[in-house]
Amino acid sequence: MDARGEPCPYPMKQVMEGVDRLPEGDQLEVLVDHPPAVDMIRPLATRRGFLMEAEPAGSGEWRIRLRRPVSREVKP
């Protein structure tokens, strides 16, 4: 997902819509160039149970990876 050029809160909204449709075990990769987006997306992802990694991806850009973990099967 390319959210470059979008100020907050738009990258966060795009990411949350994308991860809501993400199957278990899959990952969403997002490019942003608005520094506060990384800080705004992280707590939301955590609250929703997603794993998140963020790393610099060039001049003033960040690559964010969000992964929906696989639910563990509960044995009776």
PDB file of N, CA and C in Angstrom:
ATOM      1  N   MET A   1       0.855  -1.153   0.000  1.00  0.00           N
ATOM      2  CA  MET A   1       0.000   0.000   0.000  1.00  0.00           C
ATOM      3  C   MET A   1       0.909   1.227   0.000  1.00  0.00           C
ATOM      4  N   ASP A   2       0.597   2.178  -0.832  1.00  0.00           N
ATOM      5  CA  ASP A   2       1.394   3.395  -0.933  1.00  0.00           C
ATOM      6  C   ASP A   2       0.605   4.559  -0.351  1.00  0.00           C
ATOM      7  N   ALA A   3       1.021   5.027   0.819  1.00  0.00           N
ATOM      8  CA  ALA A   3       0.350   6.147   1.470  1.00  0.00           C
ATOM      9  C   ALA A   3       1.248   7.384   1.475  1.00  0.00           C
ATOM     10  N   ARG A   4       2.258   7.398   0.595  1.00  0.00           N
ATOM     11  CA  ARG A   4       3.138   8.557   0.519  1.00  0.00           C
ATOM     12  C   ARG A   4       2.349   9.756   0.003  1.00  0.00           C
ATOM     13  N   GLY A   5       2.694  10.919   0.553  1.00  0.00           N
ATOM     14  CA  GLY A   5       2.026  12.150   0.156  1.00  0.00           C
ATOM     15  C   GLY A   5       0.751  12.430   0.923  1.00  0.00           C
ATOM     16  N   GLU A   6       0.369  11.510   1.809  1.00  0.00           N
ATOM     17  CA  GLU A   6      -0.855  11.680   2.597  1.00  0.00           C
ATOM     18  C   GLU A   6      -0.505  12.091   4.029  1.00  0.00           C
ATOM     19  N   PRO A   7      -1.071  13.204   4.512  1.00  0.00           N
ATOM     20  CA  PRO A   7      -0.840  13.584   5.904  1.00  0.00           C
ATOM     21  C   PRO A   7      -1.754  12.782   6.838  1.00  0.00           C
ATOM     22  N   CYS A   8      -1.405  12.728   8.101  1.00  0.00           N
ATOM     23  CA  CYS A   8      -2.257  12.064   9.093  1.00  0.00           C
ATOM     24  C   CYS A   8      -3.575  12.819   9.180  1.00  0.00           C
ATOM     25  N   PRO A   9      -4.650  12.134   9.369  1.00  0.00           N
ATOM     26  CA  PRO A   9      -4.790  10.725   9.762  1.00  0.00           C
ATOM     27  C   PRO A   9      -5.013   9.776   8.592  1.00  0.00           C
ATOM     28  N   TYR A  10      -4.867  10.226   7.345  1.00  0.00           N
ATOM     29  CA  TYR A  10      -5.208   9.389   6.196  1.00  0.00           C
ATOM     30  C   TYR A  10      -4.391   8.102   6.090  1.00  0.00           C
ATOM     31  N   PRO A  11      -3.065   8.120   6.282  1.00  0.00           N
ATOM     32  CA  PRO A  11      -2.344   6.831   6.230  1.00  0.00           C
ATOM     33  C   PRO A  11      -2.865   5.840   7.267  1.00  0.00           C
ATOM     34  N   MET A  12      -3.164   6.322   8.464  1.00  0.00           N
ATOM     35  CA  MET A  12      -3.666   5.444   9.522  1.00  0.00           C
ATOM     36  C   MET A  12      -5.007   4.839   9.112  1.00  0.00           C
ATOM     37  N   LYS A  13      -5.899   5.652   8.554  1.00  0.00           N
ATOM     38  CA  LYS A  13      -7.208   5.145   8.125  1.00  0.00           C
ATOM     39  C   LYS A  13      -7.056   4.111   7.015  1.00  0.00           C
ATOM     40  N   GLN A  14      -6.192   4.375   6.048  1.00  0.00           N
ATOM     41  CA  GLN A  14      -5.969   3.429   4.956  1.00  0.00           C
ATOM     42  C   GLN A  14      -5.423   2.106   5.477  1.00  0.00           C
ATOM     43  N   VAL A  15      -4.465   2.193   6.388  1.00  0.00           N
ATOM     44  CA  VAL A  15      -3.856   0.988   6.946  1.00  0.00           C
ATOM     45  C   VAL A  15      -4.880   0.168   7.718  1.00  0.00           C
ATOM     46  N   MET A  16      -5.680   0.806   8.550  1.00  0.00           N
ATOM     47  CA  MET A  16      -6.646   0.065   9.355  1.00  0.00           C
ATOM     48  C   MET A  16      -7.710  -0.588   8.480  1.00  0.00           C
ATOM     49  N   GLU A  17      -8.114   0.065   7.387  1.00  0.00           N
ATOM     50  CA  GLU A  17      -9.051  -0.570   6.459  1.00  0.00           C
ATOM     51  C   GLU A  17      -8.395  -1.774   5.787  1.00  0.00           C
ATOM     52  N   GLY A  18      -7.127  -1.644   5.439  1.00  0.00           N
ATOM     53  CA  GLY A  18      -6.408  -2.742   4.796  1.00  0.00           C
ATOM     54  C   GLY A  18      -6.217  -3.934   5.705  1.00  0.00           C
ATOM     55  N   VAL A  19      -5.846  -3.705   6.955  1.00  0.00           N
ATOM     56  CA  VAL A  19      -5.592  -4.836   7.855  1.00  0.00           C
ATOM     57  C   VAL A  19      -6.878  -5.501   8.304  1.00  0.00           C
ATOM     58  N   ASP A  20      -7.989  -4.769   8.300  1.00  0.00           N
ATOM     59  CA  ASP A  20      -9.259  -5.402   8.669  1.00  0.00           C
ATOM     60  C   ASP A  20      -9.625  -6.519   7.695  1.00  0.00           C
ATOM     61  N   ARG A  21      -9.163  -6.433   6.452  1.00  0.00           N
ATOM     62  CA  ARG A  21      -9.457  -7.447   5.430  1.00  0.00           C
ATOM     63  C   ARG A  21      -8.340  -8.489   5.311  1.00  0.00           C
ATOM     64  N   LEU A  22      -7.314  -8.353   6.109  1.00  0.00           N
ATOM     65  CA  LEU A  22      -6.140  -9.218   6.000  1.00  0.00           C
ATOM     66  C   LEU A  22      -6.405 -10.586   6.633  1.00  0.00           C
ATOM     67  N   PRO A  23      -6.203 -11.667   5.886  1.00  0.00           N
ATOM     68  CA  PRO A  23      -6.368 -13.010   6.468  1.00  0.00           C
ATOM     69  C   PRO A  23      -5.286 -13.295   7.513  1.00  0.00           C
ATOM     70  N   GLU A  24      -5.582 -14.221   8.404  1.00  0.00           N
ATOM     71  CA  GLU A  24      -4.617 -14.616   9.426  1.00  0.00           C
ATOM     72  C   GLU A  24      -3.314 -15.045   8.776  1.00  0.00           C
ATOM     73  N   GLY A  25      -2.204 -14.611   9.358  1.00  0.00           N
ATOM     74  CA  GLY A  25      -0.886 -14.994   8.883  1.00  0.00           C
ATOM     75  C   GLY A  25      -0.365 -14.133   7.741  1.00  0.00           C
ATOM     76  N   ASP A  26      -1.227 -13.329   7.131  1.00  0.00           N
ATOM     77  CA  ASP A  26      -0.792 -12.473   6.026  1.00  0.00           C
ATOM     78  C   ASP A  26      -0.237 -11.153   6.541  1.00  0.00           C
ATOM     79  N   GLN A  27       0.422 -10.455   5.642  1.00  0.00           N
ATOM     80  CA  GLN A  27       1.125  -9.223   5.995  1.00  0.00           C
ATOM     81  C   GLN A  27       0.741  -8.111   5.018  1.00  0.00           C
ATOM     82  N   LEU A  28       0.674  -6.901   5.527  1.00  0.00           N
ATOM     83  CA  LEU A  28       0.433  -5.714   4.718  1.00  0.00           C
ATOM     84  C   LEU A  28       1.669  -4.839   4.823  1.00  0.00           C
ATOM     85  N   GLU A  29       2.192  -4.429   3.676  1.00  0.00           N
ATOM     86  CA  GLU A  29       3.342  -3.533   3.660  1.00  0.00           C
ATOM     87  C   GLU A  29       2.865  -2.162   3.195  1.00  0.00           C
ATOM     88  N   VAL A  30       3.297  -1.128   3.914  1.00  0.00           N
ATOM     89  CA  VAL A  30       2.845   0.228   3.641  1.00  0.00           C
ATOM     90  C   VAL A  30       4.057   1.149   3.543  1.00  0.00           C
ATOM     91  N   LEU A  31       4.047   2.037   2.569  1.00  0.00           N
ATOM     92  CA  LEU A  31       5.066   3.078   2.460  1.00  0.00           C
ATOM     93  C   LEU A  31       4.450   4.402   2.867  1.00  0.00           C
ATOM     94  N   VAL A  32       5.118   5.112   3.777  1.00  0.00           N
ATOM     95  CA  VAL A  32       4.661   6.437   4.216  1.00  0.00           C
ATOM     96  C   VAL A  32       5.828   7.411   4.165  1.00  0.00           C
ATOM     97  N   ASP A  33       5.489   8.688   4.035  1.00  0.00           N
ATOM     98  CA  ASP A  33       6.531   9.717   4.074  1.00  0.00           C
ATOM     99  C   ASP A  33       6.164  10.828   5.055  1.00  0.00           C
ATOM    100  N   HIS A  34       5.200  10.541   5.908  1.00  0.00           N
ATOM    101  CA  HIS A  34       4.766  11.500   6.926  1.00  0.00           C
ATOM    102  C   HIS A  34       5.168  10.908   8.280  1.00  0.00           C
ATOM    103  N   PRO A  35       6.255  11.433   8.907  1.00  0.00           N
ATOM    104  CA  PRO A  35       6.793  10.814  10.121  1.00  0.00           C
ATOM    105  C   PRO A  35       5.771  10.487  11.216  1.00  0.00           C
ATOM    106  N   PRO A  36       4.794  11.350  11.506  1.00  0.00           N
ATOM    107  CA  PRO A  36       3.845  10.989  12.558  1.00  0.00           C
ATOM    108  C   PRO A  36       3.000   9.752  12.244  1.00  0.00           C
ATOM    109  N   ALA A  37       2.923   9.369  10.980  1.00  0.00           N
ATOM    110  CA  ALA A  37       2.111   8.196  10.626  1.00  0.00           C
ATOM    111  C   ALA A  37       2.621   6.942  11.328  1.00  0.00           C
ATOM    112  N   VAL A  38       3.934   6.787  11.416  1.00  0.00           N
ATOM    113  CA  VAL A  38       4.498   5.606  12.082  1.00  0.00           C
ATOM    114  C   VAL A  38       4.065   5.576  13.539  1.00  0.00           C
ATOM    115  N   ASP A  39       4.157   6.709  14.204  1.00  0.00           N
ATOM    116  CA  ASP A  39       3.786   6.775  15.623  1.00  0.00           C
ATOM    117  C   ASP A  39       2.288   6.639  15.847  1.00  0.00           C
ATOM    118  N   MET A  40       1.477   7.035  14.874  1.00  0.00           N
ATOM    119  CA  MET A  40       0.020   6.915  15.023  1.00  0.00           C
ATOM    120  C   MET A  40      -0.468   5.498  14.721  1.00  0.00           C
ATOM    121  N   ILE A  41       0.185   4.826  13.786  1.00  0.00           N
ATOM    122  CA  ILE A  41      -0.258   3.493  13.390  1.00  0.00           C
ATOM    123  C   ILE A  41       0.123   2.445  14.428  1.00  0.00           C
ATOM    124  N   ARG A  42       1.290   2.589  15.049  1.00  0.00           N
ATOM    125  CA  ARG A  42       1.789   1.570  15.991  1.00  0.00           C
ATOM    126  C   ARG A  42       0.801   1.257  17.132  1.00  0.00           C
ATOM    127  N   PRO A  43       0.292   2.250  17.881  1.00  0.00           N
ATOM    128  CA  PRO A  43      -0.613   1.890  18.983  1.00  0.00           C
ATOM    129  C   PRO A  43      -1.929   1.278  18.502  1.00  0.00           C
ATOM    130  N   LEU A  44      -2.415   1.741  17.375  1.00  0.00           N
ATOM    131  CA  LEU A  44      -3.646   1.156  16.824  1.00  0.00           C
ATOM    132  C   LEU A  44      -3.431  -0.295  16.427  1.00  0.00           C
ATOM    133  N   ALA A  45      -2.314  -0.570  15.785  1.00  0.00           N
ATOM    134  CA  ALA A  45      -2.002  -1.934  15.377  1.00  0.00           C
ATOM    135  C   ALA A  45      -1.879  -2.838  16.598  1.00  0.00           C
ATOM    136  N   THR A  46      -1.208  -2.349  17.619  1.00  0.00           N
ATOM    137  CA  THR A  46      -1.029  -3.126  18.843  1.00  0.00           C
ATOM    138  C   THR A  46      -2.369  -3.437  19.491  1.00  0.00           C
ATOM    139  N   ARG A  47      -3.233  -2.441  19.599  1.00  0.00           N
ATOM    140  CA  ARG A  47      -4.555  -2.655  20.215  1.00  0.00           C
ATOM    141  C   ARG A  47      -5.384  -3.667  19.436  1.00  0.00           C
ATOM    142  N   ARG A  48      -5.195  -3.714  18.133  1.00  0.00           N
ATOM    143  CA  ARG A  48      -5.960  -4.660  17.302  1.00  0.00           C
ATOM    144  C   ARG A  48      -5.276  -6.015  17.185  1.00  0.00           C
ATOM    145  N   GLY A  49      -4.132  -6.174  17.822  1.00  0.00           N
ATOM    146  CA  GLY A  49      -3.460  -7.472  17.857  1.00  0.00           C
ATOM    147  C   GLY A  49      -2.541  -7.756  16.689  1.00  0.00           C
ATOM    148  N   PHE A  50      -2.165  -6.733  15.923  1.00  0.00           N
ATOM    149  CA  PHE A  50      -1.266  -6.925  14.799  1.00  0.00           C
ATOM    150  C   PHE A  50       0.178  -6.740  15.232  1.00  0.00           C
ATOM    151  N   LEU A  51       1.081  -7.448  14.575  1.00  0.00           N
ATOM    152  CA  LEU A  51       2.506  -7.273  14.803  1.00  0.00           C
ATOM    153  C   LEU A  51       2.983  -6.226  13.808  1.00  0.00           C
ATOM    154  N   MET A  52       3.846  -5.306  14.246  1.00  0.00           N
ATOM    155  CA  MET A  52       4.278  -4.220  13.370  1.00  0.00           C
ATOM    156  C   MET A  52       5.776  -4.038  13.426  1.00  0.00           C
ATOM    157  N   GLU A  53       6.354  -3.838  12.241  1.00  0.00           N
ATOM    158  CA  GLU A  53       7.762  -3.470  12.107  1.00  0.00           C
ATOM    159  C   GLU A  53       7.800  -2.222  11.234  1.00  0.00           C
ATOM    160  N   ALA A  54       8.672  -1.287  11.561  1.00  0.00           N
ATOM    161  CA  ALA A  54       8.847  -0.086  10.736  1.00  0.00           C
ATOM    162  C   ALA A  54      10.335   0.149  10.554  1.00  0.00           C
ATOM    163  N   GLU A  55      10.715   0.513   9.321  1.00  0.00           N
ATOM    164  CA  GLU A  55      12.117   0.779   9.039  1.00  0.00           C
ATOM    165  C   GLU A  55      12.223   1.876   7.988  1.00  0.00           C
ATOM    166  N   PRO A  56      13.322   2.633   8.017  1.00  0.00           N
ATOM    167  CA  PRO A  56      13.521   3.649   6.981  1.00  0.00           C
ATOM    168  C   PRO A  56      13.570   2.976   5.603  1.00  0.00           C
ATOM    169  N   ALA A  57      12.983   3.646   4.613  1.00  0.00           N
ATOM    170  CA  ALA A  57      12.920   3.074   3.264  1.00  0.00           C
ATOM    171  C   ALA A  57      13.386   4.078   2.222  1.00  0.00           C
ATOM    172  N   GLY A  58      14.321   4.910   2.602  1.00  0.00           N
ATOM    173  CA  GLY A  58      14.804   5.910   1.653  1.00  0.00           C
ATOM    174  C   GLY A  58      14.706   7.294   2.257  1.00  0.00           C
ATOM    175  N   SER A  59      14.876   8.257   1.438  1.00  0.00           N
ATOM    176  CA  SER A  59      14.908   9.645   1.868  1.00  0.00           C
ATOM    177  C   SER A  59      13.552  10.102   2.403  1.00  0.00           C
ATOM    178  N   GLY A  60      13.426  10.130   3.730  1.00  0.00           N
ATOM    179  CA  GLY A  60      12.196  10.606   4.360  1.00  0.00           C
ATOM    180  C   GLY A  60      11.021   9.668   4.237  1.00  0.00           C
ATOM    181  N   GLU A  61      11.266   8.402   3.948  1.00  0.00           N
ATOM    182  CA  GLU A  61      10.181   7.424   3.819  1.00  0.00           C
ATOM    183  C   GLU A  61      10.397   6.274   4.798  1.00  0.00           C
ATOM    184  N   TRP A  62       9.291   5.615   5.150  1.00  0.00           N
ATOM    185  CA  TRP A  62       9.328   4.461   6.042  1.00  0.00           C
ATOM    186  C   TRP A  62       8.510   3.341   5.440  1.00  0.00           C
ATOM    187  N   ARG A  63       8.974   2.127   5.668  1.00  0.00           N
ATOM    188  CA  ARG A  63       8.248   0.924   5.272  1.00  0.00           C
ATOM    189  C   ARG A  63       7.696   0.316   6.554  1.00  0.00           C
ATOM    190  N   ILE A  64       6.398   0.159   6.575  1.00  0.00           N
ATOM    191  CA  ILE A  64       5.716  -0.433   7.726  1.00  0.00           C
ATOM    192  C   ILE A  64       5.166  -1.784   7.295  1.00  0.00           C
ATOM    193  N   ARG A  65       5.428  -2.796   8.099  1.00  0.00           N
ATOM    194  CA  ARG A  65       4.869  -4.128   7.846  1.00  0.00           C
ATOM    195  C   ARG A  65       3.975  -4.494   9.021  1.00  0.00           C
ATOM    196  N   LEU A  66       2.751  -4.819   8.687  1.00  0.00           N
ATOM    197  CA  LEU A  66       1.776  -5.245   9.692  1.00  0.00           C
ATOM    198  C   LEU A  66       1.373  -6.678   9.382  1.00  0.00           C
ATOM    199  N   ARG A  67       1.390  -7.516  10.397  1.00  0.00           N
ATOM    200  CA  ARG A  67       1.031  -8.925  10.195  1.00  0.00           C
ATOM    201  C   ARG A  67      -0.048  -9.322  11.181  1.00  0.00           C
ATOM    202  N   ARG A  68      -1.067  -9.992  10.636  1.00  0.00           N
ATOM    203  CA  ARG A  68      -2.127 -10.539  11.494  1.00  0.00           C
ATOM    204  C   ARG A  68      -1.661 -11.922  11.938  1.00  0.00           C
ATOM    205  N   PRO A  69      -1.465 -12.105  13.235  1.00  0.00           N
ATOM    206  CA  PRO A  69      -1.008 -13.421  13.698  1.00  0.00           C
ATOM    207  C   PRO A  69      -2.085 -14.489  13.491  1.00  0.00           C
ATOM    208  N   VAL A  70      -1.636 -15.718  13.449  1.00  0.00           N
ATOM    209  CA  VAL A  70      -2.540 -16.846  13.319  1.00  0.00           C
ATOM    210  C   VAL A  70      -3.078 -17.168  14.702  1.00  0.00           C
ATOM    211  N   SER A  71      -4.398 -17.324  14.808  1.00  0.00           N
ATOM    212  CA  SER A  71      -5.004 -17.692  16.086  1.00  0.00           C
ATOM    213  C   SER A  71      -4.570 -19.107  16.466  1.00  0.00           C
ATOM    214  N   ARG A  72      -4.333 -19.278  17.707  1.00  0.00           N
ATOM    215  CA  ARG A  72      -3.947 -20.620  18.164  1.00  0.00           C
ATOM    216  C   ARG A  72      -5.201 -21.428  18.427  1.00  0.00           C
ATOM    217  N   GLU A  73      -5.144 -22.660  18.028  1.00  0.00           N
ATOM    218  CA  GLU A  73      -6.286 -23.539  18.203  1.00  0.00           C
ATOM    219  C   GLU A  73      -6.386 -23.930  19.670  1.00  0.00           C
ATOM    220  N   VAL A  74      -7.582 -23.797  20.197  1.00  0.00           N
ATOM    221  CA  VAL A  74      -7.816 -24.143  21.612  1.00  0.00           C
ATOM    222  C   VAL A  74      -8.269 -25.575  21.680  1.00  0.00           C
ATOM    223  N   LYS A  75      -7.561 -26.370  22.459  1.00  0.00           N
ATOM    224  CA  LYS A  75      -7.913 -27.786  22.602  1.00  0.00           C
ATOM    225  C   LYS A  75      -8.866 -27.935  23.777  1.00  0.00           C
ATOM    226  N   PRO A  76      -9.898 -28.786  23.606  1.00  0.00           N
ATOM    227  CA  PRO A  76     -10.868 -29.004  24.726  1.00  0.00           C
ATOM    228  C   PRO A  76     -10.258 -29.738  25.883  1.00  0.00           C
TER     229      PRO A  76
END
